[in-house]
Each structure stands twice: as C-alpha cells, then as structure tokens.
Amino acid sequence: MQVNTMVVTNDPDQDSVELNESQGCVMTNYCCRLYRYIADERPDIAEEDGDTKLWKERAKCSRFSLLYPLFAALLFLADVGMDCEIAATHFKRGDRNWAAYTLGVVVFSLVFTDCLSAIFYLEDQRDLHKTEWLTRNNLQVKPWFYAFHFIFCGRLVRCFQIFKTVRVIRGIQQQDPDNKQWYRLYISMLHDLSITGVVEAFTEEAPQVALQLYILVQRGTLDWTSFADVFVAINILKSLALFSFSVLGFCRALRLQDENSHLLELFSFASLFHFAWRLFMLVARTLALVLFASWCKQLVFIVVGVHLLFSYLILRSQPDNYFEEGSLEDRLLRCAFTFVNVFCFFPLAGKRTRNWGIPYYLVTFIENSIMVLLWYFFSINVDQVFKMIMLITEWGTFLLGLMSLLLYYGVFHPSLKYRNNGDDEEIDANDLISFKQYESNV
C-alpha cells in the first residue's frame, strides 16, 4: 500500500511579507495613538451657559496648543538668527553696506514689534478686570516682561504666557460661567501674538526678501556650490514662508475672536490656499520691484510713490474699524496700511472689500508687467534665457496667486458651507473682521 505524505516547507518570501505587514500595522497603530494623544482636546466638560459654551468651543486646547507657543518661539529665534547670519556673510565678503542694510531691517523690526508688544501689555495693566483674572494663576504682567522687551525678546515672553494659559485651560474640571473669561483671555493672547507676527511680516520678512533678492540680482551669480549663496537662497524662502504664515495666523486669530465668524482651521484646504495666495502675490510683487530697481534705481522710487498715492486713495474711502475717524491714531494707521499695500492687498474695511480688491490687483498687475517688461527690453549684460525665466516667473506667480485667491473665496472659504445651509455671513475679500479688544464681563 502506498502512503501519501505531505511535506510542509516554510516560504521565506511569504514570511518576509507577513513580517513587513506586521511591522507596518504596529507603526500605523503607534502613529494613530500618538495623533490621538496630541489631538486630545481639553477641557472635555459640557458647559451649561450658552455664552461660555460658545467660547469654550473656540478655545479648546489640545496638546498641539501646548506645542504651538514653543514652536512660535523657536521660529522667532531661528528667523532672527538666520537674518543676522546673512548680515555676517555679507560683512565677511566685504559688502559692508549690504550687511548694514540687512542688520538694519532686523533691528528696526525688533524695535517696532517690541514697542507695540509693550504697549499691549500697558493696555492690559490698565484693564483692572483682565489683570484680576490674570493674577489668579500668576499670569499678570510683571516688570521683568518689560525688561525682556528691552533686549528684543518680547515675543518669547508672550509665548511663555500663552503656554501657561493653555495649561490652565486644559486643567479646567468643573462647569462654571466664569470659565468664559479664561477662554477669552487665551484667544486675546493669541490675537496679540498674531498682531506682532503680522507687523514683523511687513517690517522684516517682506523688506528682507526684496533686499536679498536685489543683492543676488546685483551680484549676477548664484553659486550653488557655495554654502553662503545657498544659505541666502534658503533665507529668502524662509522669509517668504514666514510672511505668508504670519498673515494666515492673523486672519485665523481675527476669526477666532469674533463670535459671529466661522473658524479657519489651520490644517485645511482653506488655510493652504490662503497661504499660497499671499505667498505667490508677494513673490510676484517683490520680483517686479527688484528687477526694475536693478535696471533703474531712481525710477523705482517714483513707481513706489505712485503706488503709495494709489493705495492712499483706496484706503481714504474705507471706514476705519479700529479707531475714531479723523483721530491721530486713525491717520497713523492709514499711513501704515498705505505702506503695507505696497507689498500686498490689506484693506482697512472688514466687509465688501472686493470693491477695492479688484482695482488693486488690476493696477498691481499692470504695474508689475510694465516694470518687468522695461527691465526685459532695456537691461543690458543680462542673459536672454535668464530674462525669459524671470518674465515667466513674474506672470506665473501672479497667476498662481490669483488662482489661489479665487479657490479660497470661491470653494474653500470657511463660511461657504454655512451659506449653503442658509447662513448669510458676508464673505469679505480679506477676512479683516472688525478689530475687537478684549472686553471683560466680570
């Protein structure tokens, strides 16, 4: 009788596949657990008071909220450090004027931003109700806060204060109508930090991009084997990204503090296209100014002067949502916004700003095109291929910025899904909701 036998052999390829799948599952599970741990939002209590419930939903803090002020502080230090290193690089090359200009932009921005931050702290101290709530958890403004502003570290103090406030909010365990004050304090701190960030964007990031691009164009070469040249290029990209991120953060903070506005989530397509809109528009504007200045430095001041006049006329007819019309503060603010509009559209009005946005972008596109075309046809000793690349880059980035703008407002704007459900919130052209200082209800 013949006996059938079965021989079982181990397939090494199959074992390897099973091992890889097992390791992949372990890694996936670990990432999911890590995400849930970081995204764990507190407080997890159900507030009974309607107003408190509204602000709690806006101020819920995950562990990412704990990391955000630390991340912002590191970005600030890295930004200033890289700009100072760029100044040192120019100095080592013997370009002392470029080094002085680069360092001057950094110092001016730090002084301006820290003065503004100190003014905010003075206003906080004058608000007795706000000071009372801050004192309850040792968050009140202290004298050493101002000492840090004298050494240009006011941003670090604000990040530290936000970190402590997040810990207080995450530690709330009981329902209490007074919890609303903590939620609003946190949002107020984020708003103040975002203001200093957007001020830095227009006093350091945008001018630094223009200056470093101009230096590269004047030198006429970019040696990719040179660490110094590569570092300059990286610094330009850094400044562009921080500019767009700061404007996005300001927009998010404005929506966060306005109870009638829908939130702009950080990790969303809306934020992505808002970021891209600001980024590409700044690239197009800065590139046009730099190329034109490299051909004729004198005429660029005339162009900027004409644009300043145009911006002033646009802003003149807009209502001021910040200060009393005709006051000294109102006039100073209009002057500041006029300067800001040299680089990008930033209206005073918070609603219906498409009325000014359309002529602004039309005039800006015409200006940019004329400047680049004049440089293209009349500049000498410039490679024709380089000219063509710059021409395509100029119009391409403006088109990408315009497309991002249309996608943001036409498809991904935070209020669109609510409007489709019958909500009639106005979609403005720049998200500049009326500025509201913290008002205590104690």
Protein backbone atom coordinates (compact mmCIF):
# COMPACT_ATOMS: atom_id res chain seq x y z
CA MET A 1 0.00 0.00 0.00
CA GLN A 2 1.30 3.41 -0.99
CA VAL A 3 1.19 6.13 1.67
CA ASN A 4 0.78 9.75 0.64
CA THR A 5 2.90 12.14 2.65
CA MET A 6 2.77 15.94 2.73
CA VAL A 7 5.93 17.93 3.11
CA VAL A 8 5.41 21.37 4.70
CA THR A 9 8.08 23.90 3.86
CA ASN A 10 8.42 27.49 5.01
CA ASP A 11 8.36 30.10 2.23
CA PRO A 12 10.90 32.78 3.20
CA ASP A 13 9.29 35.35 0.87
CA GLN A 14 5.89 34.84 2.48
CA ASP A 15 7.37 35.14 5.96
CA SER A 16 9.07 38.38 4.94
CA VAL A 17 5.80 39.82 3.61
CA GLU A 18 3.95 38.88 6.80
CA LEU A 19 6.72 40.42 8.91
CA ASN A 20 6.60 43.66 6.93
CA GLU A 21 2.80 43.79 7.22
CA SER A 22 3.04 43.22 10.96
CA GLN A 23 5.62 45.98 11.36
CA GLY A 24 3.50 48.28 9.21
CA CYS A 25 0.45 47.66 11.38
CA VAL A 26 2.46 48.33 14.54
CA MET A 27 3.78 51.59 13.11
CA THR A 28 0.31 52.65 11.94
CA ASN A 29 -1.21 51.90 15.33
CA TYR A 30 1.58 53.83 17.04
CA CYS A 31 1.06 56.86 14.80
CA CYS A 32 -2.69 56.77 15.41
CA ARG A 33 -2.20 56.60 19.17
CA LEU A 34 0.33 59.44 19.02
CA TYR A 35 -2.06 61.58 16.97
CA ARG A 36 -4.94 60.93 19.38
CA TYR A 37 -2.65 61.80 22.29
CA ILE A 38 -1.57 65.10 20.74
CA ALA A 39 -5.06 65.98 19.46
CA ASP A 40 -6.70 65.31 22.84
CA GLU A 41 -8.70 68.50 23.46
CA ARG A 42 -9.43 69.92 26.88
CA PRO A 43 -11.49 70.85 28.74
CA ASP A 44 -13.80 67.94 27.98
CA ILE A 45 -16.61 69.17 30.22
CA ALA A 46 -20.00 70.28 28.88
CA GLU A 47 -20.55 73.93 29.77
CA GLU A 48 -24.18 74.78 30.58
CA ASP A 49 -24.05 78.54 29.99
CA GLY A 50 -24.59 79.26 26.28
CA ASP A 51 -22.03 82.06 26.02
CA THR A 52 -19.44 80.06 27.94
CA LYS A 53 -20.10 77.04 25.72
CA LEU A 54 -19.51 79.14 22.59
CA TRP A 55 -16.12 80.44 23.79
CA LYS A 56 -15.13 77.01 25.08
CA GLU A 57 -15.57 75.53 21.60
CA ARG A 58 -13.34 78.28 20.20
CA ALA A 59 -10.66 77.97 22.88
CA LYS A 60 -10.40 74.21 23.32
CA CYS A 61 -6.75 73.30 23.73
CA SER A 62 -5.07 70.14 22.50
CA ARG A 63 -1.51 69.18 23.32
CA PHE A 64 -0.65 70.75 19.98
CA SER A 65 -1.79 74.02 21.57
CA LEU A 66 0.91 73.46 24.18
CA LEU A 67 3.50 72.96 21.46
CA TYR A 68 2.41 75.95 19.38
CA PRO A 69 3.92 78.71 21.59
CA LEU A 70 7.15 76.72 21.84
CA PHE A 71 7.19 76.30 18.06
CA ALA A 72 6.49 80.03 17.59
CA ALA A 73 9.35 80.93 19.94
CA LEU A 74 11.77 78.66 18.07
CA LEU A 75 10.67 80.12 14.73
CA PHE A 76 11.29 83.62 16.06
CA LEU A 77 14.79 82.75 17.25
CA ALA A 78 15.61 80.92 14.01
CA ASP A 79 14.32 83.82 11.91
CA VAL A 80 16.38 86.46 13.71
CA GLY A 81 19.42 84.19 13.87
CA MET A 82 19.35 83.43 10.14
CA ASP A 83 18.97 87.10 9.21
CA CYS A 84 21.92 88.02 11.45
CA GLU A 85 23.96 85.24 9.85
CA ILE A 86 23.13 86.68 6.42
CA ALA A 87 24.39 90.08 7.59
CA ALA A 88 27.59 88.43 8.86
CA THR A 89 28.01 86.67 5.48
CA HIS A 90 27.81 89.96 3.60
CA PHE A 91 30.29 91.51 6.03
CA LYS A 92 32.80 88.67 5.54
CA ARG A 93 32.56 89.16 1.78
CA GLY A 94 33.46 92.81 2.20
CA ASP A 95 29.94 94.04 1.40
CA ARG A 96 29.61 96.20 4.49
CA ASN A 97 26.74 98.27 3.10
CA TRP A 98 24.64 95.17 2.40
CA ALA A 99 25.48 93.86 5.86
CA ALA A 100 24.37 97.14 7.44
CA TYR A 101 21.12 97.22 5.45
CA THR A 102 20.32 93.60 6.34
CA LEU A 103 21.00 94.14 10.02
CA GLY A 104 19.14 97.46 9.95
CA VAL A 105 15.96 95.75 8.74
CA VAL A 106 16.21 93.23 11.59
CA VAL A 107 16.81 95.86 14.27
CA PHE A 108 14.03 98.15 13.01
CA SER A 109 11.55 95.28 13.02
CA LEU A 110 12.55 94.15 16.51
CA VAL A 111 12.30 97.66 17.95
CA PHE A 112 8.95 98.35 16.30
CA THR A 113 7.44 94.99 17.23
CA ASP A 114 8.61 95.05 20.84
CA CYS A 115 7.37 98.61 21.33
CA LEU A 116 3.97 97.51 20.07
CA SER A 117 4.02 94.45 22.34
CA ALA A 118 4.93 96.61 25.35
CA ILE A 119 2.03 98.96 24.54
CA PHE A 120 -0.32 95.96 24.55
CA TYR A 121 0.96 94.97 27.99
CA LEU A 122 0.40 98.51 29.27
CA GLU A 123 -3.18 98.34 28.00
CA ASP A 124 -3.62 95.00 29.78
CA GLN A 125 -2.47 96.54 33.05
CA ARG A 126 -4.96 99.40 32.69
CA ASP A 127 -7.76 96.84 32.34
CA LEU A 128 -8.35 96.03 36.03
CA HIS A 129 -10.76 93.17 35.34
CA LYS A 130 -8.35 91.49 32.96
CA THR A 131 -5.48 91.98 35.42
CA GLU A 132 -7.58 90.39 38.16
CA TRP A 133 -8.15 87.24 36.12
CA LEU A 134 -4.54 87.05 35.04
CA THR A 135 -3.40 87.34 38.66
CA ARG A 136 -5.48 84.32 39.72
CA ASN A 137 -2.96 81.97 38.11
CA ASN A 138 0.13 84.18 38.30
CA LEU A 139 -0.24 85.28 34.67
CA GLN A 140 -0.30 89.01 35.31
CA VAL A 141 2.10 91.39 33.59
CA LYS A 142 5.31 91.62 35.61
CA PRO A 143 8.13 94.20 35.48
CA TRP A 144 10.56 91.67 34.01
CA PHE A 145 8.22 91.37 31.00
CA TYR A 146 9.26 94.88 30.00
CA ALA A 147 12.92 94.09 30.71
CA PHE A 148 12.74 91.33 28.09
CA HIS A 149 11.30 93.82 25.62
CA PHE A 150 14.40 95.99 26.05
CA ILE A 151 16.51 93.06 24.81
CA PHE A 152 14.10 92.38 21.92
CA CYS A 153 12.64 89.20 23.44
CA GLY A 154 9.05 90.33 23.92
CA ARG A 155 7.84 87.56 21.61
CA LEU A 156 9.36 84.93 23.91
CA VAL A 157 7.53 86.37 26.92
CA ARG A 158 4.21 86.21 25.07
CA CYS A 159 4.83 82.62 24.04
CA PHE A 160 5.62 81.71 27.66
CA GLN A 161 2.42 83.39 28.85
CA ILE A 162 0.32 81.55 26.26
CA PHE A 163 1.91 78.24 27.26
CA LYS A 164 0.91 78.79 30.90
CA THR A 165 -2.62 79.84 29.89
CA VAL A 166 -3.09 76.67 27.83
CA ARG A 167 -2.12 74.62 30.88
CA VAL A 168 -4.73 76.46 32.96
CA ILE A 169 -7.47 75.83 30.38
CA ARG A 170 -6.57 72.15 29.99
CA GLY A 171 -6.81 71.85 33.78
CA ILE A 172 -10.42 73.09 33.99
CA GLN A 173 -12.51 70.30 35.52
CA GLN A 174 -15.80 71.91 36.58
CA GLN A 175 -18.61 73.77 34.87
CA ASP A 176 -18.56 77.46 35.68
CA PRO A 177 -19.82 80.52 33.75
CA ASP A 178 -16.60 82.27 34.78
CA ASN A 179 -14.63 79.79 32.66
CA LYS A 180 -15.57 82.05 29.77
CA GLN A 181 -13.02 84.56 31.00
CA TRP A 182 -10.18 82.03 30.66
CA TYR A 183 -11.27 81.10 27.15
CA ARG A 184 -11.41 84.75 26.10
CA LEU A 185 -8.10 85.52 27.77
CA TYR A 186 -6.45 82.76 25.75
CA ILE A 187 -7.97 84.00 22.50
CA SER A 188 -6.93 87.56 23.35
CA MET A 189 -3.33 86.42 23.89
CA LEU A 190 -3.32 84.58 20.56
CA HIS A 191 -4.67 87.69 18.88
CA ASP A 192 -1.97 89.94 20.37
CA LEU A 193 0.72 87.46 19.30
CA SER A 194 -0.70 87.34 15.78
CA ILE A 195 -0.60 91.15 15.56
CA THR A 196 3.09 91.23 16.47
CA GLY A 197 3.64 88.47 13.91
CA VAL A 198 1.93 90.31 11.06
CA VAL A 199 3.78 93.53 11.97
CA GLU A 200 7.04 91.59 11.76
CA ALA A 201 5.94 90.19 8.40
CA PHE A 202 5.69 93.68 6.90
CA THR A 203 8.66 95.26 8.69
CA GLU A 204 11.15 92.41 8.35
CA GLU A 205 10.10 89.49 6.14
CA ALA A 206 8.85 91.41 3.08
CA PRO A 207 11.69 94.01 3.10
CA GLN A 208 14.24 91.26 3.71
CA VAL A 209 13.00 89.30 0.69
CA ALA A 210 13.25 92.40 -1.50
CA LEU A 211 16.71 93.31 -0.18
CA GLN A 212 18.27 89.85 -0.52
CA LEU A 213 16.77 89.32 -3.99
CA TYR A 214 18.14 92.68 -5.07
CA ILE A 215 21.60 91.76 -3.76
CA LEU A 216 21.52 88.46 -5.70
CA VAL A 217 20.45 90.22 -8.91
CA GLN A 218 23.15 92.87 -8.47
CA ARG A 219 25.83 90.23 -7.99
CA GLY A 220 24.60 88.48 -11.12
CA THR A 221 25.59 85.00 -9.96
CA LEU A 222 24.34 82.33 -7.60
CA ASP A 223 26.95 79.68 -6.86
CA TRP A 224 25.09 76.53 -5.76
CA THR A 225 28.37 75.03 -4.57
CA SER A 226 28.85 77.93 -2.16
CA PHE A 227 27.25 77.45 1.25
CA ALA A 228 26.90 81.22 1.67
CA ASP A 229 24.91 81.61 -1.57
CA VAL A 230 22.71 78.60 -0.80
CA PHE A 231 22.08 79.99 2.69
CA VAL A 232 20.95 83.31 1.19
CA ALA A 233 18.52 81.47 -1.09
CA ILE A 234 17.19 79.43 1.85
CA ASN A 235 16.78 82.61 3.89
CA ILE A 236 14.69 84.19 1.12
CA LEU A 237 12.40 81.15 1.04
CA LYS A 238 12.18 81.25 4.84
CA SER A 239 11.13 84.89 4.82
CA LEU A 240 8.50 84.24 2.14
CA ALA A 241 7.04 81.33 4.10
CA LEU A 242 7.02 83.23 7.41
CA PHE A 243 5.35 86.23 5.76
CA SER A 244 2.50 84.10 4.42
CA PHE A 245 2.21 82.12 7.66
CA SER A 246 2.05 85.31 9.76
CA VAL A 247 -0.72 86.81 7.63
CA LEU A 248 -2.59 83.49 7.81
CA GLY A 249 -2.19 83.42 11.60
CA PHE A 250 -3.54 86.96 11.86
CA CYS A 251 -6.56 86.02 9.75
CA ARG A 252 -7.22 82.93 11.91
CA ALA A 253 -6.94 84.94 15.14
CA LEU A 254 -9.40 87.56 13.88
CA ARG A 255 -11.93 84.88 13.08
CA LEU A 256 -11.28 83.10 16.37
CA GLN A 257 -12.09 86.16 18.49
CA ASP A 258 -15.21 87.17 16.54
CA GLU A 259 -18.07 85.03 17.81
CA ASN A 260 -20.07 85.63 14.62
CA SER A 261 -17.35 84.33 12.28
CA HIS A 262 -16.66 80.78 11.21
CA LEU A 263 -13.28 79.39 12.19
CA LEU A 264 -10.43 78.99 9.73
CA GLU A 265 -8.81 75.69 10.66
CA LEU A 266 -5.03 75.55 10.39
CA PHE A 267 -4.91 72.13 8.73
CA SER A 268 -7.40 72.70 5.93
CA PHE A 269 -7.53 73.47 2.22
CA ALA A 270 -8.78 76.96 3.09
CA SER A 271 -5.59 77.71 5.03
CA LEU A 272 -3.47 76.12 2.30
CA PHE A 273 -4.89 78.33 -0.45
CA HIS A 274 -4.83 81.41 1.79
CA PHE A 275 -1.13 80.72 2.39
CA ALA A 276 -0.48 80.18 -1.33
CA TRP A 277 -2.38 83.34 -2.27
CA ARG A 278 -0.22 85.53 -0.04
CA LEU A 279 3.00 83.71 -0.93
CA PHE A 280 2.71 83.94 -4.72
CA MET A 281 1.43 87.52 -4.71
CA LEU A 282 4.38 88.61 -2.58
CA VAL A 283 6.81 86.80 -4.90
CA ALA A 284 5.33 88.48 -7.98
CA ARG A 285 5.34 91.94 -6.41
CA THR A 286 8.82 91.70 -4.92
CA LEU A 287 10.34 90.23 -8.09
CA ALA A 288 8.94 93.06 -10.22
CA LEU A 289 10.29 95.74 -7.87
CA VAL A 290 13.71 94.07 -7.61
CA LEU A 291 14.19 93.58 -11.36
CA PHE A 292 13.08 97.13 -12.10
CA ALA A 293 15.38 98.53 -9.38
CA SER A 294 18.31 96.59 -10.84
CA TRP A 295 17.74 98.42 -14.15
CA CYS A 296 16.99 101.90 -12.77
CA LYS A 297 17.14 102.53 -9.04
CA GLN A 298 15.86 106.09 -9.31
CA LEU A 299 12.67 105.23 -11.19
CA VAL A 300 11.65 102.53 -8.71
CA PHE A 301 11.10 105.20 -6.05
CA ILE A 302 8.77 107.02 -8.44
CA VAL A 303 6.82 103.79 -9.04
CA VAL A 304 6.55 103.11 -5.31
CA GLY A 305 5.48 106.72 -4.74
CA VAL A 306 2.71 106.43 -7.34
CA HIS A 307 1.56 103.15 -5.78
CA LEU A 308 1.55 104.76 -2.32
CA LEU A 309 -0.70 107.53 -3.65
CA PHE A 310 -2.98 104.96 -5.28
CA SER A 311 -3.14 102.94 -2.03
CA TYR A 312 -3.91 106.08 -0.04
CA LEU A 313 -6.81 106.96 -2.35
CA ILE A 314 -8.20 103.43 -2.00
CA LEU A 315 -7.90 103.49 1.80
CA ARG A 316 -9.26 107.03 2.09
CA SER A 317 -12.79 105.93 1.18
CA GLN A 318 -12.73 102.92 3.50
CA PRO A 319 -14.20 103.08 7.03
CA ASP A 320 -11.74 102.64 9.91
CA ASN A 321 -12.87 99.77 12.13
CA TYR A 322 -10.03 100.35 14.57
CA PHE A 323 -10.02 103.99 15.73
CA GLU A 324 -12.22 107.07 15.59
CA GLU A 325 -12.33 108.66 12.15
CA GLY A 326 -10.01 111.67 11.89
CA SER A 327 -8.11 110.94 15.10
CA LEU A 328 -4.32 110.88 15.25
CA GLU A 329 -4.40 107.09 15.64
CA ASP A 330 -6.64 106.82 12.57
CA ARG A 331 -4.23 108.90 10.46
CA LEU A 332 -1.19 106.95 11.61
CA LEU A 333 -2.96 103.66 10.93
CA ARG A 334 -3.91 104.75 7.43
CA CYS A 335 -0.27 105.68 6.77
CA ALA A 336 0.85 102.26 8.00
CA PHE A 337 -1.72 100.46 5.84
CA THR A 338 -0.68 102.57 2.86
CA PHE A 339 2.89 101.28 3.25
CA VAL A 340 1.67 97.70 3.71
CA ASN A 341 -0.26 97.86 0.43
CA VAL A 342 3.00 98.35 -1.44
CA PHE A 343 3.54 94.61 -0.97
CA CYS A 344 0.05 93.13 -0.77
CA PHE A 345 -3.64 93.97 -0.50
CA PHE A 346 -4.54 94.81 3.10
CA PRO A 347 -7.66 96.99 3.42
CA LEU A 348 -8.99 98.85 6.44
CA ALA A 349 -12.57 97.81 5.86
CA GLY A 350 -13.65 94.42 7.11
CA LYS A 351 -16.55 93.83 4.73
CA ARG A 352 -17.21 94.20 0.99
CA THR A 353 -13.54 94.75 0.31
CA ARG A 354 -13.86 93.23 -3.14
CA ASN A 355 -14.86 96.76 -4.17
CA TRP A 356 -11.23 97.78 -3.54
CA GLY A 357 -9.55 94.43 -4.15
CA ILE A 358 -10.43 94.26 -7.85
CA PRO A 359 -8.92 97.67 -8.79
CA TYR A 360 -5.94 97.00 -6.51
CA TYR A 361 -4.97 93.74 -8.21
CA LEU A 362 -5.67 95.15 -11.67
CA VAL A 363 -3.40 98.15 -11.10
CA THR A 364 -0.75 95.99 -9.40
CA PHE A 365 -0.68 93.57 -12.33
CA ILE A 366 -0.28 96.44 -14.80
CA GLU A 367 2.49 97.97 -12.66
CA ASN A 368 4.34 94.67 -12.32
CA SER A 369 4.08 93.93 -16.03
CA ILE A 370 5.35 97.37 -17.08
CA MET A 371 8.31 97.18 -14.68
CA VAL A 372 9.34 93.68 -15.77
CA LEU A 373 8.90 94.44 -19.48
CA LEU A 374 11.01 97.60 -19.20
CA TRP A 375 13.71 95.57 -17.47
CA TYR A 376 13.37 92.83 -20.11
CA PHE A 377 13.82 95.12 -23.11
CA PHE A 378 16.25 97.72 -21.81
CA SER A 379 18.56 95.97 -19.35
CA ILE A 380 21.99 95.15 -20.73
CA ASN A 381 24.56 92.47 -19.96
CA VAL A 382 21.79 90.10 -18.85
CA ASP A 383 21.45 86.63 -20.34
CA GLN A 384 18.40 86.27 -22.59
CA VAL A 385 17.45 82.92 -21.06
CA PHE A 386 17.51 84.47 -17.58
CA LYS A 387 15.29 87.29 -18.83
CA MET A 388 12.77 84.82 -20.20
CA ILE A 389 12.78 82.80 -16.96
CA MET A 390 12.13 85.93 -14.89
CA LEU A 391 9.31 87.02 -17.21
CA ILE A 392 7.61 83.63 -16.93
CA THR A 393 8.17 83.55 -13.17
CA GLU A 394 6.62 87.01 -12.74
CA TRP A 395 3.42 86.27 -14.62
CA GLY A 396 3.29 82.66 -13.43
CA THR A 397 3.44 83.53 -9.73
CA PHE A 398 0.85 86.29 -10.13
CA LEU A 399 -1.46 83.84 -11.91
CA LEU A 400 -0.93 81.20 -9.21
CA GLY A 401 -1.67 83.79 -6.53
CA LEU A 402 -4.84 84.86 -8.32
CA MET A 403 -5.97 81.24 -8.74
CA SER A 404 -5.32 80.55 -5.04
CA LEU A 405 -7.33 83.65 -4.15
CA LEU A 406 -10.28 82.52 -6.29
CA LEU A 407 -10.15 78.97 -4.93
CA TYR A 408 -10.01 80.22 -1.36
CA TYR A 409 -13.03 82.51 -1.66
CA GLY A 410 -14.96 80.53 -4.25
CA VAL A 411 -14.55 76.98 -2.97
CA PHE A 412 -12.88 76.66 0.44
CA HIS A 413 -13.85 79.78 2.38
CA PRO A 414 -14.91 78.81 5.96
CA SER A 415 -18.36 80.38 5.61
CA LEU A 416 -19.32 78.76 2.31
CA LYS A 417 -20.71 75.55 3.80
CA TYR A 418 -22.81 77.62 6.20
CA ARG A 419 -24.06 79.90 3.44
CA ASN A 420 -25.16 76.83 1.54
CA ASN A 421 -27.18 75.89 4.62
CA GLY A 422 -28.88 79.28 4.75
CA ASP A 423 -26.35 81.30 6.76
CA ASP A 424 -25.91 84.76 5.26
CA GLU A 425 -22.48 85.65 6.63
CA GLU A 426 -20.77 88.12 4.33
CA ILE A 427 -17.68 86.77 2.61
CA ASP A 428 -15.21 89.60 2.68
CA ALA A 429 -12.20 89.89 0.41
CA ASN A 430 -9.54 89.86 3.07
CA ASP A 431 -11.03 88.37 6.26
CA LEU A 432 -10.38 91.64 8.12
CA ILE A 433 -13.17 91.41 10.64
CA SER A 434 -13.57 94.45 12.87
CA PHE A 435 -10.78 94.60 15.41
CA LYS A 436 -12.11 93.99 18.94
CA GLN A 437 -10.03 94.34 22.04
CA TYR A 438 -10.61 92.00 24.97
CA GLU A 439 -13.63 93.20 26.95
CA SER A 440 -14.14 91.70 30.39
CA ASN A 441 -17.65 90.75 31.51
CA VAL A 442 -16.68 90.23 35.16
